[in-house]
Structure formats: C-alpha cells, structure tokens
Amino acid sequence: MEPLSRLVEAKASHLATTSVAALYQDPFWEARYGLERSRRFGDEDAAFHVRYLVQALDEQRPSVMEGYARWLRTLLVSRGMCTRHLDSHFAGLARALEAEGWGPGTLPHDYVRAAREALRYPEGPAHLLEKDAPELAHAAAGRLTLYILPEDRPRLEEELQLHLSYLADSLASGRPEVMGDHVRWYVGFWPRRGFGLLAFPSVLGMLKSVLGSRHPEARNLLATAGVSWEETRS
C-alpha cells in the first residue's frame, strides 16, 4: 500500500491551489502587495505548506508542522501580515484536504490542526488577548451597530479580530512598530472594506475601549498606534 505521504504529495499542486483560492477574493492582498506579487508569494507559500505536511507525514512528526508554523509566522509578521492571515492559509489547506477525503481524524488534517494550534501564544499579554479576541470583537461590533448595516456585523467582527491579531503579534514580538505600521497603512485601505460611514479611528477607538483594564499592555500599545481624523482625510 502506498504511504499516506505519497498520496498527499501526488495531490500537492491541487491542494495548494485550492487552499488559497478563496483568500484572493480579499482585496487586502492586491492592495498591500500588488496583484502579481501577492499571487506569486501566496502560491509559493501554499506549496510550501503542503511540502512540509508531506515531510511531517514521512517522519510521522506533527512537530515538523508546528515548528514550520512558528517560523513562518515570524517571517510573515515582518512583512506586514499577522497570525490570523497564516491561520487562514492553514484553514484553507484543511478544507482542501477534507475535500479530498482527508478530513478530521485523519493524519493530514490532524497535522494541519497541530500547525494552527502552534500559532497560539502560550503565555503573557498576547496569549490573553488572543484568547479574548472573539469576545472583544463581538463587544466592539455591538457598540458600532449604528454605523453599519445589520448584515455587515459578522464581517465587522472578523475585521476587528484581524486588528486584534496584529495587536497580539506586536505584543508577543515586543515590536510596537508591527501595530503602528499596520495602522498607518490600513487607514488608506479602510474605505475598500465598505462599511459606509464607519471611520477607521472609530474602530480603533472602540477596540481601545473594550480592551479595558483587563488588557493594559494592549490598550497602551493601541493608543500609541492610532490615527487621527486628519490622517484619514489626507
């Protein structure tokens, strides 16, 4: 019987392509990196994900995927991405595997799950922020409902979790500029998210509010990374 790693390897190109297809629908990638560059690097990353998965299956060591995930996160954060972006890549790979018959409970799917779990910060302010992110995003979105259409609320909560992911990465790396650089770039991109009258400073201000006293480090970091109303109109 052919080894499982060879079966996955035989479908590597299809798995890689399928895993990132939905991601390219997000205008973020073209706006941030350009159409050609975002597609080229996105496709290369997707191929590497499958290559490391094959290696992990060969060696029967999920730690291969775990180490790869942590290493790649460090690299991608330095290039303007966040943990949530990488997790979305792995989630896409998990869906592609499931479509080929390797769903939950199979080694390929479980190894990808191990990679995703390895992205969770184990301790400190970043760990707490990451843990609370869904609840914080839900609370912030609830206070911003006057500015958006009701059907846009799930999309806004996803958007808020993205910014909290950047904030967690900034805390974990000890590099405030990770959040600062993200905010300064994103303010120009924000109108493309299509939230009507909701302004980006209002989003950041609401996140700062819901962080409260439970997340003082994150709150202070966000305060230094904010943008003014004047910057949104420049």
C-alpha atoms as a PDB file:
ATOM      1  CA  MET A   1       0.000   0.000   0.000  1.00  0.00           C
ATOM      2  CA  GLU A   2       1.337   3.422  -0.950  1.00  0.00           C
ATOM      3  CA  PRO A   3       2.410   5.584   2.020  1.00  0.00           C
ATOM      4  CA  LEU A   4      -0.001   8.346   3.009  1.00  0.00           C
ATOM      5  CA  SER A   5       2.676  10.972   2.455  1.00  0.00           C
ATOM      6  CA  ARG A   6       2.987   9.917  -1.205  1.00  0.00           C
ATOM      7  CA  LEU A   7      -0.766  10.103  -1.675  1.00  0.00           C
ATOM      8  CA  VAL A   8      -0.792  13.662  -0.362  1.00  0.00           C
ATOM      9  CA  GLU A   9       2.277  14.538  -2.403  1.00  0.00           C
ATOM     10  CA  ALA A  10       0.550  13.307  -5.568  1.00  0.00           C
ATOM     11  CA  LYS A  11      -2.174  15.908  -4.997  1.00  0.00           C
ATOM     12  CA  ALA A  12       0.190  18.654  -3.820  1.00  0.00           C
ATOM     13  CA  SER A  13      -0.420  21.075  -6.671  1.00  0.00           C
ATOM     14  CA  HIS A  14      -4.197  20.760  -6.460  1.00  0.00           C
ATOM     15  CA  LEU A  15      -4.207  21.052  -2.672  1.00  0.00           C
ATOM     16  CA  ALA A  16      -2.030  24.168  -2.756  1.00  0.00           C
ATOM     17  CA  THR A  17      -4.093  25.892  -5.439  1.00  0.00           C
ATOM     18  CA  THR A  18      -7.417  25.057  -3.806  1.00  0.00           C
ATOM     19  CA  SER A  19      -6.242  26.114  -0.352  1.00  0.00           C
ATOM     20  CA  VAL A  20      -5.639  29.758  -1.321  1.00  0.00           C
ATOM     21  CA  ALA A  21      -8.345  30.288  -3.951  1.00  0.00           C
ATOM     22  CA  ALA A  22     -10.790  31.926  -1.524  1.00  0.00           C
ATOM     23  CA  LEU A  23      -8.116  34.152   0.008  1.00  0.00           C
ATOM     24  CA  TYR A  24      -7.525  36.008  -3.247  1.00  0.00           C
ATOM     25  CA  GLN A  25     -11.089  37.298  -3.119  1.00  0.00           C
ATOM     26  CA  ASP A  26      -9.964  39.599  -0.296  1.00  0.00           C
ATOM     27  CA  PRO A  27      -8.797  42.938  -1.821  1.00  0.00           C
ATOM     28  CA  PHE A  28      -6.262  43.264   1.002  1.00  0.00           C
ATOM     29  CA  TRP A  29      -3.688  41.147  -0.806  1.00  0.00           C
ATOM     30  CA  GLU A  30      -3.657  43.075  -4.065  1.00  0.00           C
ATOM     31  CA  ALA A  31      -3.755  46.431  -2.276  1.00  0.00           C
ATOM     32  CA  ARG A  32      -0.960  45.549   0.140  1.00  0.00           C
ATOM     33  CA  TYR A  33       1.437  43.681  -2.142  1.00  0.00           C
ATOM     34  CA  GLY A  34       0.252  44.131  -5.718  1.00  0.00           C
ATOM     35  CA  LEU A  35      -1.608  41.585  -7.831  1.00  0.00           C
ATOM     36  CA  GLU A  36       1.373  39.750  -9.326  1.00  0.00           C
ATOM     37  CA  ARG A  37       3.467  39.706  -6.163  1.00  0.00           C
ATOM     38  CA  SER A  38       0.627  38.670  -3.850  1.00  0.00           C
ATOM     39  CA  ARG A  39      -0.345  35.785  -6.116  1.00  0.00           C
ATOM     40  CA  ARG A  40       3.211  34.624  -6.649  1.00  0.00           C
ATOM     41  CA  PHE A  41       4.132  34.590  -2.966  1.00  0.00           C
ATOM     42  CA  GLY A  42       0.723  33.264  -1.938  1.00  0.00           C
ATOM     43  CA  ASP A  43       1.049  30.343  -4.336  1.00  0.00           C
ATOM     44  CA  GLU A  44       4.611  29.672  -3.185  1.00  0.00           C
ATOM     45  CA  ASP A  45       3.588  29.692   0.471  1.00  0.00           C
ATOM     46  CA  ALA A  46       0.696  27.323  -0.251  1.00  0.00           C
ATOM     47  CA  ALA A  47       3.074  24.911  -1.988  1.00  0.00           C
ATOM     48  CA  PHE A  48       5.473  25.058   0.965  1.00  0.00           C
ATOM     49  CA  HIS A  49       2.631  24.271   3.382  1.00  0.00           C
ATOM     50  CA  VAL A  50       1.936  21.049   1.511  1.00  0.00           C
ATOM     51  CA  ARG A  51       5.629  20.241   1.201  1.00  0.00           C
ATOM     52  CA  TYR A  52       6.105  20.500   4.964  1.00  0.00           C
ATOM     53  CA  LEU A  53       2.964  18.459   5.518  1.00  0.00           C
ATOM     54  CA  VAL A  54       4.399  15.690   3.342  1.00  0.00           C
ATOM     55  CA  GLN A  55       7.652  15.828   5.322  1.00  0.00           C
ATOM     56  CA  ALA A  56       5.737  15.638   8.618  1.00  0.00           C
ATOM     57  CA  LEU A  57       3.807  12.619   7.349  1.00  0.00           C
ATOM     58  CA  ASP A  58       7.018  10.972   6.147  1.00  0.00           C
ATOM     59  CA  GLU A  59       8.594  11.394   9.579  1.00  0.00           C
ATOM     60  CA  GLN A  60       5.326  10.857  11.454  1.00  0.00           C
ATOM     61  CA  ARG A  61       6.043  14.006  13.447  1.00  0.00           C
ATOM     62  CA  PRO A  62       3.414  16.756  13.751  1.00  0.00           C
ATOM     63  CA  SER A  63       6.191  18.826  15.345  1.00  0.00           C
ATOM     64  CA  VAL A  64       7.513  19.433  11.817  1.00  0.00           C
ATOM     65  CA  MET A  65       4.356  21.389  11.040  1.00  0.00           C
ATOM     66  CA  GLU A  66       4.376  23.090  14.438  1.00  0.00           C
ATOM     67  CA  GLY A  67       7.924  24.354  14.041  1.00  0.00           C
ATOM     68  CA  TYR A  68       7.251  25.426  10.482  1.00  0.00           C
ATOM     69  CA  ALA A  69       4.152  27.391  11.530  1.00  0.00           C
ATOM     70  CA  ARG A  70       6.001  29.319  14.234  1.00  0.00           C
ATOM     71  CA  TRP A  71       8.972  30.062  11.971  1.00  0.00           C
ATOM     72  CA  LEU A  72       6.755  31.225   9.131  1.00  0.00           C
ATOM     73  CA  ARG A  73       4.689  33.433  11.419  1.00  0.00           C
ATOM     74  CA  THR A  74       7.827  35.342  12.416  1.00  0.00           C
ATOM     75  CA  LEU A  75       8.731  35.853   8.766  1.00  0.00           C
ATOM     76  CA  LEU A  76       5.266  36.918   7.637  1.00  0.00           C
ATOM     77  CA  VAL A  77       4.736  39.331  10.532  1.00  0.00           C
ATOM     78  CA  SER A  78       7.919  41.108   9.478  1.00  0.00           C
ATOM     79  CA  ARG A  79       6.345  41.512   6.016  1.00  0.00           C
ATOM     80  CA  GLY A  80       3.124  43.136   7.162  1.00  0.00           C
ATOM     81  CA  MET A  81       0.899  40.119   7.809  1.00  0.00           C
ATOM     82  CA  CYS A  82      -0.476  38.713  11.045  1.00  0.00           C
ATOM     83  CA  THR A  83      -1.111  35.381  12.736  1.00  0.00           C
ATOM     84  CA  ARG A  84      -4.731  35.396  11.608  1.00  0.00           C
ATOM     85  CA  HIS A  85      -3.638  35.540   7.982  1.00  0.00           C
ATOM     86  CA  LEU A  86      -1.429  32.479   8.379  1.00  0.00           C
ATOM     87  CA  ASP A  87      -4.137  30.625  10.270  1.00  0.00           C
ATOM     88  CA  SER A  88      -6.484  31.343   7.350  1.00  0.00           C
ATOM     89  CA  HIS A  89      -3.941  29.776   4.996  1.00  0.00           C
ATOM     90  CA  PHE A  90      -3.832  26.626   7.110  1.00  0.00           C
ATOM     91  CA  ALA A  91      -7.624  26.590   7.413  1.00  0.00           C
ATOM     92  CA  GLY A  92      -7.791  26.674   3.626  1.00  0.00           C
ATOM     93  CA  LEU A  93      -5.434  23.726   3.432  1.00  0.00           C
ATOM     94  CA  ALA A  94      -7.559  21.811   5.948  1.00  0.00           C
ATOM     95  CA  ARG A  95     -10.633  22.390   3.777  1.00  0.00           C
ATOM     96  CA  ALA A  96      -8.768  21.286   0.662  1.00  0.00           C
ATOM     97  CA  LEU A  97      -7.642  18.106   2.427  1.00  0.00           C
ATOM     98  CA  GLU A  98     -11.169  17.379   3.603  1.00  0.00           C
ATOM     99  CA  ALA A  99     -12.471  17.749   0.053  1.00  0.00           C
ATOM    100  CA  GLU A 100     -10.001  15.020  -0.979  1.00  0.00           C
ATOM    101  CA  GLY A 101     -11.143  12.679   1.773  1.00  0.00           C
ATOM    102  CA  TRP A 102      -8.663  13.624   4.497  1.00  0.00           C
ATOM    103  CA  GLY A 103     -10.980  15.234   6.987  1.00  0.00           C
ATOM    104  CA  PRO A 104     -10.935  15.428  10.801  1.00  0.00           C
ATOM    105  CA  GLY A 105      -9.448  12.322  12.368  1.00  0.00           C
ATOM    106  CA  THR A 106      -7.024  11.674   9.508  1.00  0.00           C
ATOM    107  CA  LEU A 107      -3.311  12.345   9.922  1.00  0.00           C
ATOM    108  CA  PRO A 108      -3.011  15.048   7.218  1.00  0.00           C
ATOM    109  CA  HIS A 109      -5.886  17.023   8.692  1.00  0.00           C
ATOM    110  CA  ASP A 110      -4.673  16.498  12.260  1.00  0.00           C
ATOM    111  CA  TYR A 111      -1.154  17.652  11.367  1.00  0.00           C
ATOM    112  CA  VAL A 112      -2.526  20.862   9.873  1.00  0.00           C
ATOM    113  CA  ARG A 113      -4.589  21.340  13.015  1.00  0.00           C
ATOM    114  CA  ALA A 114      -1.363  20.959  15.027  1.00  0.00           C
ATOM    115  CA  ALA A 115       0.186  23.745  12.947  1.00  0.00           C
ATOM    116  CA  ARG A 116      -2.767  26.004  13.667  1.00  0.00           C
ATOM    117  CA  GLU A 117      -2.638  25.261  17.383  1.00  0.00           C
ATOM    118  CA  ALA A 118       1.098  26.014  17.392  1.00  0.00           C
ATOM    119  CA  LEU A 119       0.286  29.568  16.345  1.00  0.00           C
ATOM    120  CA  ARG A 120      -1.438  30.237  19.660  1.00  0.00           C
ATOM    121  CA  TYR A 121       0.671  32.273  22.038  1.00  0.00           C
ATOM    122  CA  PRO A 122       1.296  30.177  25.170  1.00  0.00           C
ATOM    123  CA  GLU A 123       1.541  32.934  27.764  1.00  0.00           C
ATOM    124  CA  GLY A 124       1.665  36.622  28.553  1.00  0.00           C
ATOM    125  CA  PRO A 125      -0.459  39.553  27.347  1.00  0.00           C
ATOM    126  CA  ALA A 126      -0.538  38.215  23.775  1.00  0.00           C
ATOM    127  CA  HIS A 127      -1.970  34.902  24.985  1.00  0.00           C
ATOM    128  CA  LEU A 128      -4.709  36.624  26.976  1.00  0.00           C
ATOM    129  CA  LEU A 129      -5.564  38.967  24.110  1.00  0.00           C
ATOM    130  CA  GLU A 130      -5.712  36.119  21.609  1.00  0.00           C
ATOM    131  CA  LYS A 131      -7.934  34.118  23.951  1.00  0.00           C
ATOM    132  CA  ASP A 132     -10.337  37.028  24.459  1.00  0.00           C
ATOM    133  CA  ALA A 133     -10.319  38.242  20.839  1.00  0.00           C
ATOM    134  CA  PRO A 134     -13.684  36.760  19.732  1.00  0.00           C
ATOM    135  CA  GLU A 135     -15.463  38.199  22.762  1.00  0.00           C
ATOM    136  CA  LEU A 136     -13.744  41.581  22.370  1.00  0.00           C
ATOM    137  CA  ALA A 137     -14.611  41.761  18.679  1.00  0.00           C
ATOM    138  CA  HIS A 138     -18.224  40.875  19.435  1.00  0.00           C
ATOM    139  CA  ALA A 139     -18.450  43.568  22.102  1.00  0.00           C
ATOM    140  CA  ALA A 140     -16.854  46.238  19.912  1.00  0.00           C
ATOM    141  CA  ALA A 141     -19.086  45.392  16.944  1.00  0.00           C
ATOM    142  CA  GLY A 142     -22.130  45.623  19.180  1.00  0.00           C
ATOM    143  CA  ARG A 143     -21.245  49.202  20.064  1.00  0.00           C
ATOM    144  CA  LEU A 144     -20.711  50.148  16.417  1.00  0.00           C
ATOM    145  CA  THR A 145     -24.001  48.834  15.033  1.00  0.00           C
ATOM    146  CA  LEU A 146     -25.404  52.343  14.468  1.00  0.00           C
ATOM    147  CA  TYR A 147     -22.792  52.891  11.764  1.00  0.00           C
ATOM    148  CA  ILE A 148     -23.273  49.684   9.768  1.00  0.00           C
ATOM    149  CA  LEU A 149     -25.952  47.591   8.113  1.00  0.00           C
ATOM    150  CA  PRO A 150     -27.163  44.671  10.265  1.00  0.00           C
ATOM    151  CA  GLU A 151     -25.953  42.140   7.702  1.00  0.00           C
ATOM    152  CA  ASP A 152     -22.433  43.596   7.894  1.00  0.00           C
ATOM    153  CA  ARG A 153     -21.953  42.795  11.564  1.00  0.00           C
ATOM    154  CA  PRO A 154     -20.318  39.331  11.076  1.00  0.00           C
ATOM    155  CA  ARG A 155     -17.913  40.876   8.576  1.00  0.00           C
ATOM    156  CA  LEU A 156     -17.092  43.675  11.013  1.00  0.00           C
ATOM    157  CA  GLU A 157     -16.396  41.182  13.805  1.00  0.00           C
ATOM    158  CA  GLU A 158     -13.982  39.364  11.502  1.00  0.00           C
ATOM    159  CA  GLU A 159     -12.324  42.689  10.705  1.00  0.00           C
ATOM    160  CA  LEU A 160     -11.958  43.519  14.397  1.00  0.00           C
ATOM    161  CA  GLN A 161     -10.360  40.141  15.094  1.00  0.00           C
ATOM    162  CA  LEU A 162      -7.849  40.841  12.344  1.00  0.00           C
ATOM    163  CA  HIS A 163      -6.695  44.034  14.055  1.00  0.00           C
ATOM    164  CA  LEU A 164      -6.547  42.264  17.410  1.00  0.00           C
ATOM    165  CA  SER A 165      -4.306  39.650  15.792  1.00  0.00           C
ATOM    166  CA  TYR A 166      -1.897  42.369  14.668  1.00  0.00           C
ATOM    167  CA  LEU A 167      -2.006  43.753  18.189  1.00  0.00           C
ATOM    168  CA  ALA A 168      -1.213  40.343  19.717  1.00  0.00           C
ATOM    169  CA  ASP A 169       1.692  39.854  17.307  1.00  0.00           C
ATOM    170  CA  SER A 170       3.036  43.270  18.232  1.00  0.00           C
ATOM    171  CA  LEU A 171       2.854  42.439  21.941  1.00  0.00           C
ATOM    172  CA  ALA A 172       4.402  38.991  21.549  1.00  0.00           C
ATOM    173  CA  SER A 173       7.305  40.212  19.425  1.00  0.00           C
ATOM    174  CA  GLY A 174       7.985  43.244  21.595  1.00  0.00           C
ATOM    175  CA  ARG A 175       7.839  45.388  18.458  1.00  0.00           C
ATOM    176  CA  PRO A 176       5.296  48.239  18.706  1.00  0.00           C
ATOM    177  CA  GLU A 177       6.028  49.139  15.095  1.00  0.00           C
ATOM    178  CA  VAL A 178       4.222  45.989  13.945  1.00  0.00           C
ATOM    179  CA  MET A 179       0.912  47.533  15.007  1.00  0.00           C
ATOM    180  CA  GLY A 180       1.955  51.080  14.148  1.00  0.00           C
ATOM    181  CA  ASP A 181       2.975  50.230  10.586  1.00  0.00           C
ATOM    182  CA  HIS A 182      -0.191  48.201  10.105  1.00  0.00           C
ATOM    183  CA  VAL A 183      -2.448  51.032  11.262  1.00  0.00           C
ATOM    184  CA  ARG A 184      -0.691  53.649   9.140  1.00  0.00           C
ATOM    185  CA  TRP A 185      -1.098  51.522   6.014  1.00  0.00           C
ATOM    186  CA  TYR A 186      -4.611  50.307   6.782  1.00  0.00           C
ATOM    187  CA  VAL A 187      -6.122  53.757   7.192  1.00  0.00           C
ATOM    188  CA  GLY A 188      -5.773  54.296   3.445  1.00  0.00           C
ATOM    189  CA  PHE A 189      -7.185  50.877   2.661  1.00  0.00           C
ATOM    190  CA  TRP A 190     -10.121  51.076   5.081  1.00  0.00           C
ATOM    191  CA  PRO A 191     -12.676  52.596   2.657  1.00  0.00           C
ATOM    192  CA  ARG A 192     -12.377  49.492   0.484  1.00  0.00           C
ATOM    193  CA  ARG A 193     -13.829  47.427   3.309  1.00  0.00           C
ATOM    194  CA  GLY A 194     -17.181  49.023   2.549  1.00  0.00           C
ATOM    195  CA  PHE A 195     -18.511  49.906   5.989  1.00  0.00           C
ATOM    196  CA  GLY A 196     -20.081  53.171   4.891  1.00  0.00           C
ATOM    197  CA  LEU A 197     -19.882  55.948   7.469  1.00  0.00           C
ATOM    198  CA  LEU A 198     -17.852  53.929   9.947  1.00  0.00           C
ATOM    199  CA  ALA A 199     -14.431  55.578  10.146  1.00  0.00           C
ATOM    200  CA  PHE A 200     -11.228  53.721  10.974  1.00  0.00           C
ATOM    201  CA  PRO A 201     -10.369  55.912  14.003  1.00  0.00           C
ATOM    202  CA  SER A 202     -13.766  54.971  15.435  1.00  0.00           C
ATOM    203  CA  VAL A 203     -12.913  51.290  15.017  1.00  0.00           C
ATOM    204  CA  LEU A 204      -9.595  51.690  16.795  1.00  0.00           C
ATOM    205  CA  GLY A 205     -11.181  53.804  19.497  1.00  0.00           C
ATOM    206  CA  MET A 206     -13.822  51.189  20.178  1.00  0.00           C
ATOM    207  CA  LEU A 207     -11.217  48.435  20.358  1.00  0.00           C
ATOM    208  CA  LYS A 208      -9.301  50.522  22.874  1.00  0.00           C
ATOM    209  CA  SER A 209     -12.486  50.937  24.895  1.00  0.00           C
ATOM    210  CA  VAL A 210     -13.375  47.240  25.055  1.00  0.00           C
ATOM    211  CA  LEU A 211      -9.808  46.257  25.961  1.00  0.00           C
ATOM    212  CA  GLY A 212     -10.425  47.975  29.277  1.00  0.00           C
ATOM    213  CA  SER A 213      -8.386  47.224  32.384  1.00  0.00           C
ATOM    214  CA  ARG A 214      -8.025  43.505  31.556  1.00  0.00           C
ATOM    215  CA  HIS A 215      -5.585  44.243  28.710  1.00  0.00           C
ATOM    216  CA  PRO A 216      -3.491  47.257  29.812  1.00  0.00           C
ATOM    217  CA  GLU A 217      -0.474  46.427  27.624  1.00  0.00           C
ATOM    218  CA  ALA A 218      -2.606  46.026  24.521  1.00  0.00           C
ATOM    219  CA  ARG A 219      -4.585  49.167  25.322  1.00  0.00           C
ATOM    220  CA  ASN A 220      -1.429  51.262  25.748  1.00  0.00           C
ATOM    221  CA  LEU A 221       0.117  49.890  22.569  1.00  0.00           C
ATOM    222  CA  LEU A 222      -3.033  50.595  20.581  1.00  0.00           C
ATOM    223  CA  ALA A 223      -3.155  54.140  21.938  1.00  0.00           C
ATOM    224  CA  THR A 224       0.297  54.856  20.517  1.00  0.00           C
ATOM    225  CA  ALA A 225      -0.562  53.316  17.147  1.00  0.00           C
ATOM    226  CA  GLY A 226      -3.780  55.237  16.486  1.00  0.00           C
ATOM    227  CA  VAL A 227      -4.549  57.586  13.623  1.00  0.00           C
ATOM    228  CA  SER A 228      -6.314  60.910  13.714  1.00  0.00           C
ATOM    229  CA  TRP A 229      -9.326  62.096  11.762  1.00  0.00           C
ATOM    230  CA  GLU A 230      -6.986  64.360   9.795  1.00  0.00           C
ATOM    231  CA  GLU A 231      -4.910  61.392   8.684  1.00  0.00           C
ATOM    232  CA  THR A 232      -7.999  59.645   7.311  1.00  0.00           C
ATOM    233  CA  ARG A 233      -8.629  62.610   5.029  1.00  0.00           C
ATOM    234  CA  SER A 234      -5.069  63.260   3.876  1.00  0.00           C
END
